[in-house]
Amino acid sequence: MEKTDKIYVAGHRGLVGSAIVRHLEAKGYNNFVYRTSQELDLRDYHSVRNFFIEEKPDYVFLAAAKVGGIVANNEYPADFIRDNLMIQTNVIDCAYQAGVKKLLFLGSTCIYPKFAPQPMKEEYLLTGELEPTNEPYAIAKIAGIKMCQSYNRQYGTRFISVMPTNLYGPNDNFDLETSHVLPALIRKFHEAKVNDEPSVEVWGTGTPRREFLHADDLADACEFLMLNYDSSEIVNIGTGQDITIRELTELIISIVGYEGNIHFNSSKPDGTPRKLVDTSKLLNLGWKARIPLKDGLVSTYRHFASCEA
């Protein structure tokens, strides 16, 4: 991937896509093509096909997806499986038809079984039942992986699939109805502080363990893999470290400066008990995450608070 190659980042305004664009621009890449979701509906095959015929990108980062936390996945399962299947099917097929040199498909660690051994190795895919609360999304992502592998086998394409752990950073979704746990907690405690609320409710028991990767680290890993990885086998991207939701909550409270009480509502779902990925494959390739969780949370909260001001 040369600095002048035409690069299409699908989903360039989201958490992952915007981080990839920032990172690549900082590295000197200068030939990007973008379309907003209003300009190009990736669920519409003919529009996507026309876009690829017109623009002829050399490299594609497929970061566009319908994403959300437990609440959104529970309430809109049909939307999650339909939209994601349509988006990735259209982009992957049209990338092949247009002769794209290489494509990177962004999956998710929710593809792994609910009770997969920890840390989760790439070979645990399809060895057990999925977490019910995000099964439609996970099935769509698994289909994307298999589609990339199948196109590589049948057509000789260079489509790679990466599985990032839980992500956070600038341009995250902080909507309480559709966001993941980390941005939701930031918003909850920020608003509680601003409104001087005496207590805040947090879903679940606080005992599940989660791993968190800053989007800027993910972007760096994506460029690294575009340059250095060509296998059809999936690759985990993470930090190799996790914390409990209670520990995350307490860390966010200290950063936000909220002084009220916390109530963990155990009647609400916890989701998967633990999600820690085995990053040995990526470490052996020569890449390691660099942003400590506390530093990343501080910068993410500053970004959120500045947008709210």
Protein backbone atom coordinates (compact mmCIF):
# COMPACT_ATOMS: atom_id res chain seq x y z
CA MET A 1 0.00 0.00 0.00
CA GLU A 2 1.78 3.09 -1.29
CA LYS A 3 1.16 6.64 -0.03
CA THR A 4 -0.47 7.59 -3.35
CA ASP A 5 -2.74 4.52 -3.70
CA LYS A 6 -6.45 5.32 -3.64
CA ILE A 7 -7.89 4.23 -0.28
CA TYR A 8 -11.59 3.85 0.49
CA VAL A 9 -12.50 3.88 4.18
CA ALA A 10 -16.11 2.72 4.48
CA GLY A 11 -17.60 4.27 7.59
CA HIS A 12 -15.06 7.11 7.73
CA ARG A 13 -17.09 9.22 10.18
CA GLY A 14 -17.52 6.51 12.82
CA LEU A 15 -15.29 5.59 15.74
CA VAL A 16 -13.13 3.13 13.78
CA GLY A 17 -13.23 4.72 10.34
CA SER A 18 -12.31 8.20 11.58
CA ALA A 19 -9.41 6.75 13.57
CA ILE A 20 -8.13 4.94 10.47
CA VAL A 21 -8.34 8.14 8.42
CA ARG A 22 -6.53 10.17 11.11
CA HIS A 23 -3.80 7.56 11.38
CA LEU A 24 -3.25 7.15 7.65
CA GLU A 25 -3.20 10.92 7.05
CA ALA A 26 -0.59 11.28 9.80
CA LYS A 27 1.49 8.60 8.06
CA GLY A 28 1.41 10.54 4.77
CA TYR A 29 -1.27 8.70 2.79
CA ASN A 30 -2.98 11.31 0.65
CA ASN A 31 -5.41 9.73 -1.81
CA PHE A 32 -8.67 8.99 -0.02
CA VAL A 33 -12.20 8.52 -1.26
CA TYR A 34 -15.16 8.91 1.08
CA ARG A 35 -18.93 8.84 0.97
CA THR A 36 -21.28 9.63 3.84
CA SER A 37 -24.20 7.30 4.48
CA GLN A 38 -26.44 9.98 2.96
CA GLU A 39 -24.33 10.05 -0.21
CA LEU A 40 -23.96 6.27 -0.51
CA ASP A 41 -26.27 3.72 1.11
CA LEU A 42 -24.04 0.67 1.46
CA ARG A 43 -27.16 -1.50 1.77
CA ASP A 44 -27.99 -0.71 -1.88
CA TYR A 45 -26.00 -3.05 -4.15
CA HIS A 46 -26.40 -1.04 -7.35
CA SER A 47 -25.25 2.18 -5.66
CA VAL A 48 -22.22 0.43 -4.19
CA ARG A 49 -21.38 -1.18 -7.53
CA ASN A 50 -21.58 2.17 -9.33
CA PHE A 51 -19.35 3.75 -6.67
CA PHE A 52 -16.64 1.10 -7.12
CA ILE A 53 -16.84 1.35 -10.93
CA GLU A 54 -16.53 5.13 -10.75
CA GLU A 55 -13.81 5.46 -8.09
CA LYS A 56 -11.79 2.24 -8.56
CA PRO A 57 -10.14 2.24 -5.10
CA ASP A 58 -6.92 0.25 -4.67
CA TYR A 59 -7.39 -0.57 -0.97
CA VAL A 60 -10.51 -0.83 1.18
CA PHE A 61 -10.95 -0.63 4.95
CA LEU A 62 -14.44 -1.96 5.66
CA ALA A 63 -15.27 -0.20 8.93
CA ALA A 64 -18.91 0.57 8.13
CA ALA A 65 -21.39 -1.38 10.26
CA LYS A 66 -24.49 -1.06 12.37
CA VAL A 67 -23.20 -1.36 15.94
CA GLY A 68 -24.56 -0.98 19.46
CA GLY A 69 -24.60 -2.28 23.01
CA ILE A 70 -26.85 -4.74 24.83
CA VAL A 71 -29.91 -2.46 24.73
CA ALA A 72 -29.74 -1.85 21.00
CA ASN A 73 -28.94 -5.47 20.17
CA ASN A 74 -31.87 -6.66 22.29
CA GLU A 75 -34.38 -4.24 20.77
CA TYR A 76 -33.34 -4.23 17.10
CA PRO A 77 -32.02 -7.74 16.26
CA ALA A 78 -33.50 -7.72 12.76
CA ASP A 79 -31.85 -4.39 11.96
CA PHE A 80 -28.46 -5.64 13.15
CA ILE A 81 -28.41 -8.84 11.12
CA ARG A 82 -30.02 -7.37 7.99
CA ASP A 83 -28.05 -4.13 7.73
CA ASN A 84 -24.68 -5.70 8.47
CA LEU A 85 -25.20 -8.58 6.06
CA MET A 86 -26.19 -6.15 3.32
CA ILE A 87 -23.35 -3.68 3.94
CA GLN A 88 -20.54 -6.22 4.01
CA THR A 89 -21.92 -8.39 1.20
CA ASN A 90 -22.18 -5.40 -1.13
CA VAL A 91 -18.77 -3.93 -0.30
CA ILE A 92 -16.89 -7.25 -0.42
CA ASP A 93 -18.47 -8.37 -3.69
CA CYS A 94 -18.06 -5.01 -5.40
CA ALA A 95 -14.45 -4.78 -4.22
CA TYR A 96 -13.81 -8.12 -5.96
CA GLN A 97 -15.66 -7.04 -9.10
CA ALA A 98 -13.64 -3.80 -9.25
CA GLY A 99 -10.28 -5.54 -8.79
CA VAL A 100 -9.41 -4.01 -5.43
CA LYS A 101 -5.84 -4.97 -4.48
CA LYS A 102 -6.61 -5.68 -0.84
CA LEU A 103 -9.52 -5.34 1.60
CA LEU A 104 -9.53 -5.36 5.39
CA PHE A 105 -12.80 -6.47 6.99
CA LEU A 106 -13.41 -5.40 10.57
CA GLY A 107 -15.25 -8.01 12.58
CA SER A 108 -15.71 -8.20 16.34
CA THR A 109 -14.77 -10.48 19.22
CA CYS A 110 -18.48 -11.14 19.78
CA ILE A 111 -18.05 -13.81 17.07
CA TYR A 112 -16.59 -16.12 19.70
CA PRO A 113 -18.74 -18.52 21.78
CA LYS A 114 -20.26 -17.14 24.98
CA PHE A 115 -18.30 -19.57 27.14
CA ALA A 116 -15.13 -19.73 25.06
CA PRO A 117 -11.95 -20.46 27.05
CA GLN A 118 -10.12 -17.28 28.05
CA PRO A 119 -8.19 -15.67 26.51
CA MET A 120 -9.99 -16.35 23.23
CA LYS A 121 -7.85 -17.75 20.44
CA GLU A 122 -8.74 -17.31 16.78
CA GLU A 123 -9.39 -21.05 16.41
CA TYR A 124 -12.29 -20.89 18.92
CA LEU A 125 -14.54 -19.47 16.20
CA LEU A 126 -17.64 -21.68 15.68
CA THR A 127 -16.83 -24.03 18.57
CA GLY A 128 -19.86 -23.18 20.72
CA GLU A 129 -23.06 -21.17 21.16
CA LEU A 130 -22.99 -17.39 20.85
CA GLU A 131 -24.05 -14.84 23.45
CA PRO A 132 -27.84 -14.53 22.86
CA THR A 133 -27.99 -10.75 23.33
CA ASN A 134 -25.81 -10.06 20.27
CA GLU A 135 -26.22 -13.25 18.25
CA PRO A 136 -27.72 -11.57 15.13
CA TYR A 137 -24.80 -9.12 14.93
CA ALA A 138 -22.26 -11.87 15.58
CA ILE A 139 -23.74 -14.12 12.89
CA ALA A 140 -23.52 -11.28 10.38
CA LYS A 141 -19.86 -10.73 11.23
CA ILE A 142 -19.10 -14.45 10.98
CA ALA A 143 -20.72 -14.42 7.54
CA GLY A 144 -18.39 -11.57 6.57
CA ILE A 145 -15.36 -13.56 7.66
CA LYS A 146 -16.48 -16.59 5.69
CA MET A 147 -17.24 -14.45 2.66
CA CYS A 148 -13.71 -13.00 2.65
CA GLN A 149 -12.21 -16.47 3.05
CA SER A 150 -14.41 -17.91 0.31
CA TYR A 151 -13.56 -15.14 -2.15
CA ASN A 152 -9.87 -15.65 -1.42
CA ARG A 153 -10.19 -19.36 -2.09
CA GLN A 154 -12.32 -19.11 -5.22
CA TYR A 155 -11.14 -15.87 -6.79
CA GLY A 156 -7.64 -15.38 -5.39
CA THR A 157 -8.49 -12.09 -3.68
CA ARG A 158 -6.48 -10.62 -0.80
CA PHE A 159 -9.23 -10.02 1.74
CA ILE A 160 -8.17 -10.15 5.41
CA SER A 161 -10.37 -10.17 8.53
CA VAL A 162 -9.47 -8.67 11.90
CA MET A 163 -11.32 -9.09 15.21
CA PRO A 164 -10.88 -6.07 17.47
CA THR A 165 -11.88 -6.23 21.11
CA ASN A 166 -14.15 -3.59 22.72
CA LEU A 167 -13.22 -0.20 21.30
CA TYR A 168 -13.44 3.38 22.56
CA GLY A 169 -12.15 6.83 21.68
CA PRO A 170 -13.10 10.07 19.88
CA ASN A 171 -16.24 9.94 17.71
CA ASP A 172 -17.68 7.07 19.73
CA ASN A 173 -21.45 6.71 20.07
CA PHE A 174 -22.45 8.15 23.45
CA ASP A 175 -26.20 7.64 23.05
CA LEU A 176 -27.52 5.78 26.12
CA GLU A 177 -29.97 3.72 24.06
CA THR A 178 -27.54 2.42 21.44
CA SER A 179 -23.99 2.77 22.80
CA HIS A 180 -21.60 0.23 24.27
CA VAL A 181 -20.82 0.11 27.97
CA LEU A 182 -17.80 2.43 28.13
CA PRO A 183 -19.25 5.48 26.34
CA ALA A 184 -22.58 4.91 28.10
CA LEU A 185 -20.87 5.08 31.50
CA ILE A 186 -19.01 8.25 30.51
CA ARG A 187 -22.26 9.96 29.54
CA LYS A 188 -24.17 8.68 32.59
CA PHE A 189 -21.63 9.94 35.11
CA HIS A 190 -20.96 13.19 33.26
CA GLU A 191 -24.66 14.05 33.22
CA ALA A 192 -25.06 12.94 36.83
CA LYS A 193 -22.22 15.27 37.81
CA VAL A 194 -23.60 18.20 35.80
CA ASN A 195 -27.13 17.66 37.21
CA ASP A 196 -25.90 16.91 40.75
CA GLU A 197 -27.74 13.58 40.83
CA PRO A 198 -27.35 11.63 44.12
CA SER A 199 -26.96 8.20 42.48
CA VAL A 200 -26.46 6.45 39.14
CA GLU A 201 -27.73 3.03 38.06
CA VAL A 202 -25.39 0.71 36.17
CA TRP A 203 -26.76 -2.36 34.40
CA GLY A 204 -25.76 -5.80 35.65
CA THR A 205 -23.70 -7.02 38.56
CA GLY A 206 -20.43 -5.32 37.64
CA THR A 207 -18.61 -8.67 37.64
CA PRO A 208 -18.17 -9.33 33.87
CA ARG A 209 -14.66 -8.69 32.63
CA ARG A 210 -13.98 -6.68 29.50
CA GLU A 211 -10.95 -5.67 27.47
CA PHE A 212 -10.78 -2.19 25.94
CA LEU A 213 -8.68 -0.99 23.01
CA HIS A 214 -8.32 2.64 21.96
CA ALA A 215 -9.46 3.28 18.38
CA ASP A 216 -6.11 4.92 17.56
CA ASP A 217 -4.32 1.70 18.51
CA LEU A 218 -6.74 -0.25 16.32
CA ALA A 219 -6.04 2.08 13.39
CA ASP A 220 -2.31 1.52 13.79
CA ALA A 221 -2.87 -2.25 13.85
CA CYS A 222 -5.03 -2.07 10.71
CA GLU A 223 -2.32 -0.28 8.75
CA PHE A 224 0.27 -2.73 10.06
CA LEU A 225 -1.80 -5.72 8.92
CA MET A 226 -2.56 -4.18 5.52
CA LEU A 227 1.19 -3.94 5.01
CA ASN A 228 2.30 -7.19 6.64
CA TYR A 229 -0.46 -9.82 6.63
CA ASP A 230 -2.01 -11.83 3.80
CA SER A 231 -3.51 -14.97 5.34
CA SER A 232 -7.23 -15.78 5.17
CA GLU A 233 -7.13 -16.71 8.86
CA ILE A 234 -8.62 -14.13 11.22
CA VAL A 235 -6.44 -12.02 13.55
CA ASN A 236 -7.39 -10.76 17.02
CA ILE A 237 -6.56 -7.16 17.91
CA GLY A 238 -6.49 -6.25 21.59
CA THR A 239 -4.40 -5.32 24.60
CA GLY A 240 -4.31 -8.73 26.28
CA GLN A 241 -5.60 -7.17 29.52
CA ASP A 242 -9.11 -6.87 30.98
CA ILE A 243 -10.92 -5.37 33.96
CA THR A 244 -14.34 -5.83 35.58
CA ILE A 245 -17.20 -3.51 34.72
CA ARG A 246 -17.14 -2.38 38.36
CA GLU A 247 -13.45 -1.45 38.05
CA LEU A 248 -14.15 0.36 34.79
CA THR A 249 -17.02 2.23 36.45
CA GLU A 250 -14.83 3.33 39.35
CA LEU A 251 -12.09 4.46 36.95
CA ILE A 252 -14.56 6.55 34.92
CA ILE A 253 -16.03 8.05 38.10
CA SER A 254 -12.57 9.19 39.20
CA ILE A 255 -11.89 10.76 35.78
CA VAL A 256 -15.29 12.46 35.51
CA GLY A 257 -15.25 13.60 39.14
CA TYR A 258 -18.70 12.30 40.10
CA GLU A 259 -19.21 12.11 43.88
CA GLY A 260 -22.59 10.37 44.23
CA ASN A 261 -23.53 6.73 44.76
CA ILE A 262 -23.54 3.79 42.33
CA HIS A 263 -26.28 1.16 42.12
CA PHE A 264 -25.58 -2.00 40.15
CA ASN A 265 -28.94 -3.36 38.95
CA SER A 266 -28.47 -7.14 38.92
CA SER A 267 -31.89 -7.66 37.29
CA LYS A 268 -30.40 -6.33 34.04
CA PRO A 269 -28.32 -8.58 31.75
CA ASP A 270 -24.56 -8.89 32.17
CA GLY A 271 -23.85 -10.28 28.71
CA THR A 272 -20.84 -12.53 28.20
CA PRO A 273 -19.04 -13.26 31.51
CA ARG A 274 -15.62 -12.48 30.09
CA LYS A 275 -14.20 -11.28 26.79
CA LEU A 276 -10.42 -11.30 26.61
CA VAL A 277 -8.67 -12.04 23.34
CA ASP A 278 -5.46 -13.95 22.83
CA THR A 279 -3.21 -11.52 20.95
CA SER A 280 -0.21 -13.85 20.54
CA LYS A 281 -0.63 -14.07 16.75
CA LEU A 282 -0.46 -10.28 16.37
CA LEU A 283 2.38 -10.01 18.90
CA ASN A 284 4.35 -12.58 16.93
CA LEU A 285 3.80 -10.54 13.77
CA GLY A 286 5.38 -7.56 15.55
CA TRP A 287 2.53 -5.32 16.74
CA LYS A 288 1.50 -4.33 20.28
CA ALA A 289 -1.04 -1.85 21.70
CA ARG A 290 0.51 1.29 23.18
CA ILE A 291 -2.24 3.42 24.79
CA PRO A 292 -2.89 2.64 28.50
CA LEU A 293 -6.58 2.46 29.43
CA LYS A 294 -6.50 5.35 31.91
CA ASP A 295 -4.74 7.66 29.44
CA GLY A 296 -7.21 6.71 26.72
CA LEU A 297 -10.19 7.30 29.01
CA VAL A 298 -8.90 10.74 30.02
CA SER A 299 -8.55 11.87 26.40
CA THR A 300 -11.90 10.32 25.43
CA TYR A 301 -13.69 12.09 28.28
CA ARG A 302 -12.08 15.41 27.36
CA HIS A 303 -13.26 14.96 23.79
CA PHE A 304 -16.80 14.09 24.94
CA ALA A 305 -16.98 16.96 27.44
CA SER A 306 -15.77 19.48 24.83
CA CYS A 307 -18.49 18.32 22.43
CA GLU A 308 -21.11 18.63 25.20
CA ALA A 309 -19.99 22.12 26.26
